[in-house]
C-alpha atoms as a PDB file:
ATOM      1  CA  MET A   1     205.307 173.019 236.521  1.00  0.00           C
ATOM      2  CA  SER A   2     203.912 169.593 235.937  1.00  0.00           C
ATOM      3  CA  THR A   3     204.700 167.540 232.851  1.00  0.00           C
ATOM      4  CA  PHE A   4     201.076 167.503 231.882  1.00  0.00           C
ATOM      5  CA  VAL A   5     200.803 171.327 232.097  1.00  0.00           C
ATOM      6  CA  ARG A   6     204.173 171.844 230.250  1.00  0.00           C
ATOM      7  CA  ARG A   7     203.111 169.489 227.470  1.00  0.00           C
ATOM      8  CA  SER A   8     199.805 171.177 227.179  1.00  0.00           C
ATOM      9  CA  ILE A   9     201.476 174.619 226.671  1.00  0.00           C
ATOM     10  CA  ILE A  10     203.934 173.242 224.180  1.00  0.00           C
ATOM     11  CA  VAL A  11     201.198 171.567 222.245  1.00  0.00           C
ATOM     12  CA  LYS A  12     199.301 174.750 222.082  1.00  0.00           C
ATOM     13  CA  SER A  13     202.500 176.501 220.850  1.00  0.00           C
ATOM     14  CA  ALA A  14     203.078 173.695 218.352  1.00  0.00           C
ATOM     15  CA  VAL A  15     199.591 173.862 216.957  1.00  0.00           C
ATOM     16  CA  ILE A  16     199.042 177.508 216.792  1.00  0.00           C
ATOM     17  CA  LEU A  17     202.641 178.680 216.073  1.00  0.00           C
ATOM     18  CA  ILE A  18     202.017 177.413 212.625  1.00  0.00           C
ATOM     19  CA  PHE A  19     198.548 177.738 211.404  1.00  0.00           C
ATOM     20  CA  SER A  20     195.150 178.672 212.892  1.00  0.00           C
ATOM     21  CA  ILE A  21     191.559 177.832 211.759  1.00  0.00           C
ATOM     22  CA  ALA A  22     189.137 180.475 210.913  1.00  0.00           C
ATOM     23  CA  ALA A  23     185.750 180.537 212.453  1.00  0.00           C
ATOM     24  CA  SER A  24     184.063 180.792 209.221  1.00  0.00           C
ATOM     25  CA  ILE A  25     185.565 177.591 207.782  1.00  0.00           C
ATOM     26  CA  HIS A  26     183.291 174.650 208.374  1.00  0.00           C
ATOM     27  CA  VAL A  27     183.055 171.973 205.754  1.00  0.00           C
ATOM     28  CA  SER A  28     180.490 169.259 206.049  1.00  0.00           C
ATOM     29  CA  VAL A  29     181.767 165.829 204.984  1.00  0.00           C
ATOM     30  CA  ASN A  30     180.503 162.326 205.063  1.00  0.00           C
ATOM     31  CA  VAL A  31     181.852 160.790 208.262  1.00  0.00           C
ATOM     32  CA  ALA A  32     182.174 157.325 206.908  1.00  0.00           C
ATOM     33  CA  ARG A  33     183.985 158.506 203.783  1.00  0.00           C
ATOM     34  CA  VAL A  34     186.481 160.769 205.810  1.00  0.00           C
ATOM     35  CA  VAL A  35     187.309 157.795 208.105  1.00  0.00           C
ATOM     36  CA  ASP A  36     187.949 155.380 205.225  1.00  0.00           C
ATOM     37  CA  ALA A  37     190.181 158.032 203.567  1.00  0.00           C
ATOM     38  CA  GLN A  38     192.150 158.609 206.815  1.00  0.00           C
ATOM     39  CA  THR A  39     192.468 155.164 208.319  1.00  0.00           C
ATOM     40  CA  GLY A  40     192.342 153.085 205.099  1.00  0.00           C
ATOM     41  CA  SER A  41     190.377 150.450 207.078  1.00  0.00           C
ATOM     42  CA  GLY A  42     187.304 152.014 208.441  1.00  0.00           C
ATOM     43  CA  SER A  43     188.403 151.141 211.971  1.00  0.00           C
ATOM     44  CA  LEU A  44     189.901 153.034 214.867  1.00  0.00           C
ATOM     45  CA  ASN A  45     192.658 151.953 217.140  1.00  0.00           C
ATOM     46  CA  ALA A  46     192.480 152.257 220.864  1.00  0.00           C
ATOM     47  CA  PRO A  47     194.151 155.267 222.381  1.00  0.00           C
ATOM     48  CA  SER A  48     197.644 154.568 223.746  1.00  0.00           C
ATOM     49  CA  ASN A  49     200.013 156.210 226.207  1.00  0.00           C
ATOM     50  CA  VAL A  50     197.177 157.164 228.402  1.00  0.00           C
ATOM     51  CA  SER A  51     198.259 158.903 231.667  1.00  0.00           C
ATOM     52  CA  ALA A  52     196.722 160.787 234.547  1.00  0.00           C
ATOM     53  CA  THR A  53     198.111 163.293 237.049  1.00  0.00           C
ATOM     54  CA  ASP A  54     198.932 162.341 240.558  1.00  0.00           C
ATOM     55  CA  ASN A  55     198.633 164.957 243.204  1.00  0.00           C
ATOM     56  CA  VAL A  56     199.241 167.732 240.672  1.00  0.00           C
ATOM     57  CA  TYR A  57     196.057 169.698 240.869  1.00  0.00           C
ATOM     58  CA  ALA A  58     193.897 170.448 243.930  1.00  0.00           C
ATOM     59  CA  SER A  59     190.888 170.992 241.723  1.00  0.00           C
ATOM     60  CA  LYS A  60     191.066 168.140 239.198  1.00  0.00           C
ATOM     61  CA  ILE A  61     192.808 165.211 237.603  1.00  0.00           C
ATOM     62  CA  GLY A  62     194.308 165.649 234.065  1.00  0.00           C
ATOM     63  CA  VAL A  63     194.236 162.814 231.535  1.00  0.00           C
ATOM     64  CA  GLU A  64     196.109 162.694 228.211  1.00  0.00           C
ATOM     65  CA  TRP A  65     196.747 160.212 225.564  1.00  0.00           C
ATOM     66  CA  SER A  66     198.215 159.788 222.049  1.00  0.00           C
ATOM     67  CA  THR A  67     196.101 160.775 219.134  1.00  0.00           C
ATOM     68  CA  VAL A  68     194.358 158.036 217.081  1.00  0.00           C
ATOM     69  CA  ARG A  69     194.410 158.450 213.371  1.00  0.00           C
ATOM     70  CA  GLY A  70     190.884 159.132 212.152  1.00  0.00           C
ATOM     71  CA  ALA A  71     189.254 159.737 215.573  1.00  0.00           C
ATOM     72  CA  ALA A  72     186.932 162.704 215.845  1.00  0.00           C
ATOM     73  CA  VAL A  73     186.163 162.495 219.541  1.00  0.00           C
ATOM     74  CA  TYR A  74     187.413 160.643 222.548  1.00  0.00           C
ATOM     75  CA  ARG A  75     185.067 159.280 225.295  1.00  0.00           C
ATOM     76  CA  ILE A  76     186.406 159.200 228.922  1.00  0.00           C
ATOM     77  CA  PHE A  77     185.374 156.676 231.542  1.00  0.00           C
ATOM     78  CA  ARG A  78     186.100 156.553 235.264  1.00  0.00           C
ATOM     79  CA  ASN A  79     185.921 154.129 238.103  1.00  0.00           C
ATOM     80  CA  THR A  80     187.088 153.728 241.677  1.00  0.00           C
ATOM     81  CA  VAL A  81     188.367 150.321 240.912  1.00  0.00           C
ATOM     82  CA  ASN A  82     190.107 149.001 237.904  1.00  0.00           C
ATOM     83  CA  ASP A  83     187.197 147.497 236.141  1.00  0.00           C
ATOM     84  CA  LEU A  84     186.057 148.809 232.876  1.00  0.00           C
ATOM     85  CA  SER A  85     182.733 146.994 232.902  1.00  0.00           C
ATOM     86  CA  THR A  86     181.306 149.076 235.726  1.00  0.00           C
ATOM     87  CA  ALA A  87     183.041 152.461 234.774  1.00  0.00           C
ATOM     88  CA  THR A  88     181.000 155.494 234.198  1.00  0.00           C
ATOM     89  CA  GLU A  89     181.318 157.853 231.236  1.00  0.00           C
ATOM     90  CA  ILE A  90     182.384 161.325 232.520  1.00  0.00           C
ATOM     91  CA  GLY A  91     182.795 163.257 229.315  1.00  0.00           C
ATOM     92  CA  SER A  92     184.190 163.540 225.813  1.00  0.00           C
ATOM     93  CA  THR A  93     186.532 165.775 223.944  1.00  0.00           C
ATOM     94  CA  PRO A  94     187.883 166.350 220.331  1.00  0.00           C
ATOM     95  CA  ALA A  95     191.371 167.063 221.930  1.00  0.00           C
ATOM     96  CA  ASN A  96     193.775 164.460 223.367  1.00  0.00           C
ATOM     97  CA  SER A  97     193.521 165.751 226.954  1.00  0.00           C
ATOM     98  CA  PHE A  98     190.716 165.906 229.565  1.00  0.00           C
ATOM     99  CA  PHE A  99     190.302 167.400 233.033  1.00  0.00           C
ATOM    100  CA  ASP A 100     188.109 165.593 235.512  1.00  0.00           C
ATOM    101  CA  SER A 101     186.956 168.290 237.904  1.00  0.00           C
ATOM    102  CA  ASP A 102     184.500 166.040 239.806  1.00  0.00           C
ATOM    103  CA  ALA A 103     187.112 163.678 241.210  1.00  0.00           C
ATOM    104  CA  VAL A 104     187.211 163.547 245.067  1.00  0.00           C
ATOM    105  CA  ALA A 105     190.321 164.742 246.497  1.00  0.00           C
ATOM    106  CA  GLY A 106     192.729 161.988 247.869  1.00  0.00           C
ATOM    107  CA  GLN A 107     191.062 159.105 246.265  1.00  0.00           C
ATOM    108  CA  THR A 108     192.517 157.083 243.437  1.00  0.00           C
ATOM    109  CA  PHE A 109     190.601 156.963 240.300  1.00  0.00           C
ATOM    110  CA  PHE A 110     190.972 154.723 237.232  1.00  0.00           C
ATOM    111  CA  TYR A 111     190.479 156.029 233.682  1.00  0.00           C
ATOM    112  CA  TRP A 112     189.901 154.763 230.204  1.00  0.00           C
ATOM    113  CA  VAL A 113     189.663 156.361 226.917  1.00  0.00           C
ATOM    114  CA  ARG A 114     187.683 155.237 223.705  1.00  0.00           C
ATOM    115  CA  SER A 115     188.209 156.678 220.158  1.00  0.00           C
ATOM    116  CA  GLU A 116     185.239 157.300 217.972  1.00  0.00           C
ATOM    117  CA  ASN A 117     184.208 158.961 214.721  1.00  0.00           C
ATOM    118  CA  GLY A 118     180.432 159.312 214.356  1.00  0.00           C
ATOM    119  CA  ALA A 119     178.879 155.754 214.351  1.00  0.00           C
ATOM    120  CA  LEU A 120     182.269 154.133 214.177  1.00  0.00           C
ATOM    121  CA  ILE A 121     183.267 153.099 217.655  1.00  0.00           C
ATOM    122  CA  GLY A 122     187.037 152.315 218.166  1.00  0.00           C
ATOM    123  CA  GLY A 123     188.945 150.472 220.908  1.00  0.00           C
ATOM    124  CA  THR A 124     189.139 151.406 224.531  1.00  0.00           C
ATOM    125  CA  SER A 125     192.565 152.030 226.175  1.00  0.00           C
ATOM    126  CA  ALA A 126     194.205 150.238 228.988  1.00  0.00           C
ATOM    127  CA  SER A 127     193.499 151.845 232.314  1.00  0.00           C
ATOM    128  CA  THR A 128     195.570 154.499 233.947  1.00  0.00           C
ATOM    129  CA  GLN A 129     195.043 156.008 237.459  1.00  0.00           C
ATOM    130  CA  GLY A 130     195.339 159.449 238.988  1.00  0.00           C
ATOM    131  CA  ILE A 131     194.734 161.261 242.279  1.00  0.00           C
ATOM    132  CA  ARG A 132     193.445 164.730 242.924  1.00  0.00           C
ATOM    133  CA  ALA A 133     195.570 166.534 245.587  1.00  0.00           C
ATOM    134  CA  ILE A 134     194.399 167.384 248.956  1.00  0.00           C
ATOM    135  CA  GLY A 135     194.890 171.023 249.713  1.00  0.00           C
ATOM    136  CA  SER A 136     197.687 172.719 247.712  1.00  0.00           C
ATOM    137  CA  PRO A 137     199.894 170.591 245.488  1.00  0.00           C
ATOM    138  CA  GLN A 138     203.601 170.272 246.210  1.00  0.00           C
ATOM    139  CA  GLY A 139     205.871 172.833 244.949  1.00  0.00           C
ATOM    140  CA  PRO A 140     206.389 176.473 245.602  1.00  0.00           C
ATOM    141  CA  VAL A 141     204.014 177.675 242.706  1.00  0.00           C
ATOM    142  CA  PRO A 142     200.736 175.999 241.856  1.00  0.00           C
ATOM    143  CA  PRO A 143     200.529 174.804 238.344  1.00  0.00           C
ATOM    144  CA  GLN A 144     198.878 177.235 235.873  1.00  0.00           C
ATOM    145  CA  GLU A 145     195.698 176.393 234.150  1.00  0.00           C
ATOM    146  CA  PRO A 146     195.916 175.471 230.445  1.00  0.00           C
ATOM    147  CA  PRO A 147     196.300 178.493 228.242  1.00  0.00           C
ATOM    148  CA  PRO A 148     193.122 179.971 226.792  1.00  0.00           C
ATOM    149  CA  MET A 149     191.987 178.964 223.236  1.00  0.00           C
ATOM    150  CA  PRO A 150     190.498 181.593 220.941  1.00  0.00           C
ATOM    151  CA  PRO A 151     186.826 180.472 220.060  1.00  0.00           C
ATOM    152  CA  ALA A 152     187.813 180.451 216.443  1.00  0.00           C
ATOM    153  CA  ASN A 153     190.596 178.137 217.074  1.00  0.00           C
ATOM    154  CA  GLN A 154     189.702 175.371 219.390  1.00  0.00           C
ATOM    155  CA  VAL A 155     192.185 172.627 219.807  1.00  0.00           C
ATOM    156  CA  THR A 156     191.548 169.069 218.494  1.00  0.00           C
ATOM    157  CA  ALA A 157     193.770 166.099 218.637  1.00  0.00           C
ATOM    158  CA  ALA A 158     194.322 166.160 214.839  1.00  0.00           C
ATOM    159  CA  LYS A 159     195.281 169.756 214.876  1.00  0.00           C
ATOM    160  CA  ILE A 160     197.805 169.053 217.547  1.00  0.00           C
ATOM    161  CA  GLU A 161     199.407 166.316 215.497  1.00  0.00           C
ATOM    162  CA  LEU A 162     199.468 168.370 212.374  1.00  0.00           C
ATOM    163  CA  GLY A 163     200.864 171.337 214.213  1.00  0.00           C
ATOM    164  CA  LYS A 164     203.769 169.105 215.694  1.00  0.00           C
ATOM    165  CA  ALA A 165     204.664 167.953 212.054  1.00  0.00           C
ATOM    166  CA  LEU A 166     204.534 171.598 210.645  1.00  0.00           C
ATOM    167  CA  PHE A 167     206.526 172.915 213.671  1.00  0.00           C
ATOM    168  CA  TRP A 168     209.472 170.553 213.017  1.00  0.00           C
ATOM    169  CA  ASP A 169     209.399 170.234 209.306  1.00  0.00           C
ATOM    170  CA  GLU A 170     212.306 171.983 207.428  1.00  0.00           C
ATOM    171  CA  GLN A 171     210.495 171.909 204.183  1.00  0.00           C
ATOM    172  CA  LEU A 172     208.559 174.901 205.324  1.00  0.00           C
ATOM    173  CA  SER A 173     211.643 176.983 204.518  1.00  0.00           C
ATOM    174  CA  SER A 174     212.635 177.814 200.896  1.00  0.00           C
ATOM    175  CA  THR A 175     215.957 176.122 201.399  1.00  0.00           C
ATOM    176  CA  ARG A 176     214.554 173.106 203.213  1.00  0.00           C
ATOM    177  CA  THR A 177     216.915 173.580 206.050  1.00  0.00           C
ATOM    178  CA  VAL A 178     215.052 175.484 208.702  1.00  0.00           C
ATOM    179  CA  SER A 179     211.999 174.630 210.662  1.00  0.00           C
ATOM    180  CA  CYS A 180     210.354 176.566 213.364  1.00  0.00           C
ATOM    181  CA  GLY A 181     211.806 174.066 215.708  1.00  0.00           C
ATOM    182  CA  THR A 182     215.338 175.005 214.491  1.00  0.00           C
ATOM    183  CA  CYS A 183     215.335 178.149 216.440  1.00  0.00           C
ATOM    184  CA  HIS A 184     212.841 177.156 219.171  1.00  0.00           C
ATOM    185  CA  ILE A 185     214.417 174.072 220.637  1.00  0.00           C
ATOM    186  CA  THR A 186     212.186 172.580 223.412  1.00  0.00           C
ATOM    187  CA  SER A 187     215.012 170.831 225.291  1.00  0.00           C
ATOM    188  CA  ARG A 188     216.821 174.268 225.620  1.00  0.00           C
ATOM    189  CA  GLY A 189     213.742 176.302 226.993  1.00  0.00           C
ATOM    190  CA  GLY A 190     212.075 176.721 223.687  1.00  0.00           C
ATOM    191  CA  SER A 191     214.665 179.112 222.577  1.00  0.00           C
ATOM    192  CA  ASP A 192     217.935 179.053 220.398  1.00  0.00           C
ATOM    193  CA  PRO A 193     221.166 177.918 222.230  1.00  0.00           C
ATOM    194  CA  ARG A 194     223.159 178.709 219.088  1.00  0.00           C
ATOM    195  CA  THR A 195     223.276 182.372 220.157  1.00  0.00           C
ATOM    196  CA  LEU A 196     226.554 182.006 222.020  1.00  0.00           C
ATOM    197  CA  ALA A 197     229.303 184.544 222.113  1.00  0.00           C
ATOM    198  CA  ALA A 198     231.723 182.118 220.550  1.00  0.00           C
ATOM    199  CA  ASN A 199     229.434 181.071 217.773  1.00  0.00           C
ATOM    200  CA  LEU A 200     230.264 183.339 214.943  1.00  0.00           C
ATOM    201  CA  ALA A 201     227.434 181.942 212.893  1.00  0.00           C
ATOM    202  CA  SER A 202     224.997 183.599 215.293  1.00  0.00           C
ATOM    203  CA  ARG A 203     226.538 187.010 215.062  1.00  0.00           C
ATOM    204  CA  ASN A 204     224.606 189.934 213.409  1.00  0.00           C
ATOM    205  CA  PRO A 205     226.829 193.134 212.876  1.00  0.00           C
ATOM    206  CA  GLY A 206     224.264 195.379 214.180  1.00  0.00           C
ATOM    207  CA  PRO A 207     223.174 198.806 212.780  1.00  0.00           C
ATOM    208  CA  ASP A 208     226.666 199.733 211.564  1.00  0.00           C
ATOM    209  CA  GLY A 209     227.086 196.710 209.484  1.00  0.00           C
ATOM    210  CA  VAL A 210     230.524 195.979 211.015  1.00  0.00           C
ATOM    211  CA  PHE A 211     231.426 192.901 212.922  1.00  0.00           C
ATOM    212  CA  ASN A 212     233.265 192.771 216.149  1.00  0.00           C
ATOM    213  CA  ASN A 213     232.270 195.969 217.937  1.00  0.00           C
ATOM    214  CA  ALA A 214     229.904 197.096 220.655  1.00  0.00           C
ATOM    215  CA  ASP A 215     226.746 196.962 218.592  1.00  0.00           C
ATOM    216  CA  ASP A 216     227.024 193.413 217.394  1.00  0.00           C
ATOM    217  CA  ILE A 217     223.910 191.272 218.108  1.00  0.00           C
ATOM    218  CA  LEU A 218     223.937 187.612 219.120  1.00  0.00           C
ATOM    219  CA  ALA A 219     220.827 186.208 217.426  1.00  0.00           C
ATOM    220  CA  SER A 220     219.197 183.361 215.608  1.00  0.00           C
ATOM    221  CA  PRO A 221     220.634 182.238 212.237  1.00  0.00           C
ATOM    222  CA  GLY A 222     218.223 181.795 209.259  1.00  0.00           C
ATOM    223  CA  VAL A 223     218.742 181.175 205.543  1.00  0.00           C
ATOM    224  CA  PRO A 224     221.149 182.716 202.943  1.00  0.00           C
ATOM    225  CA  ILE A 225     219.772 185.340 200.709  1.00  0.00           C
ATOM    226  CA  THR A 226     217.748 183.004 198.305  1.00  0.00           C
ATOM    227  CA  ARG A 227     216.413 183.751 195.017  1.00  0.00           C
ATOM    228  CA  PRO A 228     212.811 182.325 193.971  1.00  0.00           C
ATOM    229  CA  ASP A 229     214.604 179.781 191.774  1.00  0.00           C
ATOM    230  CA  GLY A 230     216.452 178.316 194.850  1.00  0.00           C
ATOM    231  CA  THR A 231     219.835 179.857 194.051  1.00  0.00           C
ATOM    232  CA  PHE A 232     221.754 182.008 196.559  1.00  0.00           C
ATOM    233  CA  GLN A 233     222.525 185.627 196.117  1.00  0.00           C
ATOM    234  CA  TRP A 234     225.755 187.159 197.433  1.00  0.00           C
ATOM    235  CA  SER A 235     225.545 189.155 200.630  1.00  0.00           C
ATOM    236  CA  SER A 236     227.995 191.819 201.442  1.00  0.00           C
ATOM    237  CA  ILE A 237     227.724 190.858 205.042  1.00  0.00           C
ATOM    238  CA  TYR A 238     227.287 187.117 205.071  1.00  0.00           C
ATOM    239  CA  GLY A 239     228.423 185.981 201.589  1.00  0.00           C
ATOM    240  CA  ILE A 240     226.369 182.808 200.819  1.00  0.00           C
ATOM    241  CA  ASP A 241     226.239 181.813 204.521  1.00  0.00           C
ATOM    242  CA  GLU A 242     223.125 181.976 206.618  1.00  0.00           C
ATOM    243  CA  GLN A 243     221.872 185.404 207.455  1.00  0.00           C
ATOM    244  CA  VAL A 244     221.467 186.182 211.153  1.00  0.00           C
ATOM    245  CA  THR A 245     218.241 187.787 212.401  1.00  0.00           C
ATOM    246  CA  ALA A 246     218.205 190.907 214.427  1.00  0.00           C
ATOM    247  CA  ARG A 247     216.987 189.160 217.705  1.00  0.00           C
ATOM    248  CA  LYS A 248     217.344 185.701 219.439  1.00  0.00           C
ATOM    249  CA  ALA A 249     214.301 183.650 219.057  1.00  0.00           C
ATOM    250  CA  ASN A 250     211.785 184.081 221.880  1.00  0.00           C
ATOM    251  CA  SER A 251     211.084 181.141 224.097  1.00  0.00           C
ATOM    252  CA  THR A 252     207.964 179.138 223.198  1.00  0.00           C
ATOM    253  CA  ILE A 253     207.402 178.281 226.958  1.00  0.00           C
ATOM    254  CA  ASN A 254     204.382 179.992 228.196  1.00  0.00           C
ATOM    255  CA  ALA A 255     204.021 181.650 224.857  1.00  0.00           C
ATOM    256  CA  ALA A 256     200.253 180.855 224.738  1.00  0.00           C
ATOM    257  CA  TYR A 257     199.646 183.062 227.816  1.00  0.00           C
ATOM    258  CA  SER A 258     201.086 186.213 226.194  1.00  0.00           C
ATOM    259  CA  PRO A 259     198.740 188.850 224.732  1.00  0.00           C
ATOM    260  CA  THR A 260     201.387 189.824 222.123  1.00  0.00           C
ATOM    261  CA  LEU A 261     204.388 188.208 220.709  1.00  0.00           C
ATOM    262  CA  PHE A 262     207.816 188.953 219.179  1.00  0.00           C
ATOM    263  CA  TRP A 263     210.154 191.147 221.056  1.00  0.00           C
ATOM    264  CA  ASP A 264     208.440 194.239 219.942  1.00  0.00           C
ATOM    265  CA  GLY A 265     204.958 192.997 220.367  1.00  0.00           C
ATOM    266  CA  ARG A 266     203.916 193.254 216.783  1.00  0.00           C
ATOM    267  CA  ALA A 267     202.111 190.025 216.768  1.00  0.00           C
ATOM    268  CA  THR A 268     198.869 191.385 218.166  1.00  0.00           C
ATOM    269  CA  PRO A 269     195.791 189.510 219.604  1.00  0.00           C
ATOM    270  CA  THR A 270     193.879 190.358 216.297  1.00  0.00           C
ATOM    271  CA  PHE A 271     194.737 187.715 213.645  1.00  0.00           C
ATOM    272  CA  ARG A 272     194.237 188.764 210.028  1.00  0.00           C
ATOM    273  CA  ASP A 273     194.431 186.474 206.887  1.00  0.00           C
ATOM    274  CA  PRO A 274     197.751 187.463 205.351  1.00  0.00           C
ATOM    275  CA  LEU A 275     196.234 187.057 201.878  1.00  0.00           C
ATOM    276  CA  THR A 276     193.037 189.044 202.317  1.00  0.00           C
ATOM    277  CA  ASN A 277     193.687 191.106 205.417  1.00  0.00           C
ATOM    278  CA  ILE A 278     190.345 189.932 206.698  1.00  0.00           C
ATOM    279  CA  ILE A 279     190.065 189.632 210.517  1.00  0.00           C
ATOM    280  CA  VAL A 280     189.831 185.891 211.405  1.00  0.00           C
ATOM    281  CA  ILE A 281     190.281 186.200 215.237  1.00  0.00           C
ATOM    282  CA  ASN A 282     189.364 189.341 217.053  1.00  0.00           C
ATOM    283  CA  ALA A 283     191.085 188.630 220.361  1.00  0.00           C
ATOM    284  CA  GLY A 284     193.461 186.002 221.766  1.00  0.00           C
ATOM    285  CA  GLY A 285     195.267 185.394 218.537  1.00  0.00           C
ATOM    286  CA  ALA A 286     198.732 186.502 219.157  1.00  0.00           C
ATOM    287  CA  LEU A 287     200.257 183.026 218.370  1.00  0.00           C
ATOM    288  CA  GLU A 288     198.223 182.939 215.120  1.00  0.00           C
ATOM    289  CA  SER A 289     199.654 186.407 214.155  1.00  0.00           C
ATOM    290  CA  GLN A 290     203.122 185.316 215.040  1.00  0.00           C
ATOM    291  CA  SER A 291     202.947 182.194 213.009  1.00  0.00           C
ATOM    292  CA  ILE A 292     202.572 183.763 209.578  1.00  0.00           C
ATOM    293  CA  GLU A 293     205.791 185.837 209.478  1.00  0.00           C
ATOM    294  CA  PRO A 294     208.751 183.547 209.734  1.00  0.00           C
ATOM    295  CA  PRO A 295     207.964 181.342 206.535  1.00  0.00           C
ATOM    296  CA  THR A 296     207.796 184.488 204.451  1.00  0.00           C
ATOM    297  CA  SER A 297     210.806 186.319 205.990  1.00  0.00           C
ATOM    298  CA  GLY A 298     213.761 186.536 203.614  1.00  0.00           C
ATOM    299  CA  VAL A 299     216.039 186.164 206.622  1.00  0.00           C
ATOM    300  CA  GLU A 300     214.503 183.536 208.766  1.00  0.00           C
ATOM    301  CA  MET A 301     212.933 180.896 206.340  1.00  0.00           C
ATOM    302  CA  GLY A 302     211.911 182.376 202.982  1.00  0.00           C
ATOM    303  CA  HIS A 303     213.315 183.364 199.650  1.00  0.00           C
ATOM    304  CA  THR A 304     213.106 186.936 198.439  1.00  0.00           C
ATOM    305  CA  GLY A 305     209.429 187.941 197.577  1.00  0.00           C
ATOM    306  CA  ARG A 306     208.028 184.803 199.159  1.00  0.00           C
ATOM    307  CA  ASP A 307     204.442 184.949 200.067  1.00  0.00           C
ATOM    308  CA  TRP A 308     201.737 182.647 201.555  1.00  0.00           C
ATOM    309  CA  VAL A 309     200.640 181.286 198.222  1.00  0.00           C
ATOM    310  CA  ASN A 310     204.256 179.993 197.803  1.00  0.00           C
ATOM    311  CA  VAL A 311     204.338 178.637 201.358  1.00  0.00           C
ATOM    312  CA  ALA A 312     201.086 176.813 200.882  1.00  0.00           C
ATOM    313  CA  GLU A 313     202.217 175.259 197.561  1.00  0.00           C
ATOM    314  CA  ARG A 314     205.400 174.013 199.286  1.00  0.00           C
ATOM    315  CA  ILE A 315     203.513 172.372 202.118  1.00  0.00           C
ATOM    316  CA  SER A 316     200.832 170.864 199.756  1.00  0.00           C
ATOM    317  CA  GLY A 317     203.635 169.179 197.755  1.00  0.00           C
ATOM    318  CA  SER A 318     205.861 167.980 200.504  1.00  0.00           C
ATOM    319  CA  LYS A 319     205.841 164.669 202.268  1.00  0.00           C
ATOM    320  CA  PRO A 320     205.561 165.207 206.117  1.00  0.00           C
ATOM    321  CA  LEU A 321     208.852 165.206 207.891  1.00  0.00           C
ATOM    322  CA  VAL A 322     210.582 163.377 205.104  1.00  0.00           C
ATOM    323  CA  LEU A 323     213.840 165.175 205.917  1.00  0.00           C
ATOM    324  CA  SER A 324     213.633 164.638 209.640  1.00  0.00           C
ATOM    325  CA  PRO A 325     216.174 161.912 210.935  1.00  0.00           C
ATOM    326  CA  GLN A 326     213.959 160.929 213.806  1.00  0.00           C
ATOM    327  CA  VAL A 327     210.167 161.209 214.173  1.00  0.00           C
ATOM    328  CA  PRO A 328     208.518 160.360 217.532  1.00  0.00           C
ATOM    329  CA  ALA A 329     206.601 156.996 217.172  1.00  0.00           C
ATOM    330  CA  ASP A 330     203.224 158.279 217.929  1.00  0.00           C
ATOM    331  CA  LEU A 331     203.403 161.170 215.464  1.00  0.00           C
ATOM    332  CA  ASN A 332     204.929 158.904 212.810  1.00  0.00           C
ATOM    333  CA  GLU A 333     202.054 156.416 213.352  1.00  0.00           C
ATOM    334  CA  TRP A 334     199.390 159.282 213.126  1.00  0.00           C
ATOM    335  CA  ILE A 335     201.046 160.580 209.898  1.00  0.00           C
ATOM    336  CA  GLY A 336     201.110 157.061 208.484  1.00  0.00           C
ATOM    337  CA  GLY A 337     202.641 157.899 205.134  1.00  0.00           C
ATOM    338  CA  ARG A 338     199.939 160.460 204.262  1.00  0.00           C
ATOM    339  CA  SER A 339     200.438 163.715 202.439  1.00  0.00           C
ATOM    340  CA  TYR A 340     199.850 167.075 203.937  1.00  0.00           C
ATOM    341  CA  PRO A 341     196.541 167.614 202.209  1.00  0.00           C
ATOM    342  CA  ASP A 342     195.511 164.206 203.756  1.00  0.00           C
ATOM    343  CA  LEU A 343     196.440 165.549 207.197  1.00  0.00           C
ATOM    344  CA  PHE A 344     194.611 168.808 206.637  1.00  0.00           C
ATOM    345  CA  LEU A 345     191.516 166.758 205.682  1.00  0.00           C
ATOM    346  CA  GLU A 346     191.657 164.953 208.939  1.00  0.00           C
ATOM    347  CA  ALA A 347     192.212 168.088 210.918  1.00  0.00           C
ATOM    348  CA  PHE A 348     189.822 170.481 209.087  1.00  0.00           C
ATOM    349  CA  GLY A 349     187.483 168.431 207.037  1.00  0.00           C
ATOM    350  CA  SER A 350     188.949 169.353 203.720  1.00  0.00           C
ATOM    351  CA  PRO A 351     192.369 169.016 202.210  1.00  0.00           C
ATOM    352  CA  GLY A 352     192.937 172.573 201.290  1.00  0.00           C
ATOM    353  CA  VAL A 353     196.234 174.225 202.699  1.00  0.00           C
ATOM    354  CA  THR A 354     195.624 177.832 203.505  1.00  0.00           C
ATOM    355  CA  PRO A 355     197.391 180.389 205.885  1.00  0.00           C
ATOM    356  CA  VAL A 356     194.333 180.690 208.166  1.00  0.00           C
ATOM    357  CA  ARG A 357     194.526 176.942 208.909  1.00  0.00           C
END
């Protein structure tokens, strides 16, 4: 699988694994005011880290770039020579990737990307070049198309960045020690490498509650039994150590293609608001359905009795990724010292933190 396709799938997982947006939520805001609030200067930087695929797809060329803070749309230009002044506009997108299906196979094309927000025109990127493959691309299996997006949760570049921050932020857990990325480690296949036979911290005693016999389960550690006030409660099995879930964390790789999620399939395509039980997404919402369970689980991430009101309050009052020892430069630049309500404002048009987002 190509780097471009793999990153597209991971991005989808990162965005939707945490929060989804309801189709009914559309907030009108003054564009100039929002840009000023998000950029602090009323200007937009040029997109950076622009890249295009070389002989990956036989039907198109994929182009991607880093998200620009405050940008609402990106305009893509193409030329057969490395000359922006004679380049042709070929499309626009609110996301940070674009597929050029009109490129002629076997010919090198040059691409530029410009950031925009309403009447505010940002900078244009440096050029990159790509080639559409002739015939079938190299490799035993052709690359998959990007995963489908539910109509009620279309991807934008800002939601991608917000999803990354939430996916790796330990502050989502009651103990501030566990993020979604703690158990779903991208560099280890999107699953949990801690579930090794020699690692006693990943051992669940199984149905009989007794360690070191045939029904023991090697699974993903979570949090100690935690009271709402943050103190730990003694467990007859784990003491005050981390509890261990009943299953190893699923891989996030290709998760966006699955019609159901969790090992038992309980995350269904129909996504409901956990506070109102109202259907938000009728079909294709398995990732959204999956995303709402771990933060409230008393074993995985939450304290006893935790609900989504508690989770939203925690997120609203937390500085994004403040506990993370290392944040990728492009994500750190997009966050830019802002709060989570500020990030939700850019992603959704209003600062409210809600489970359907």
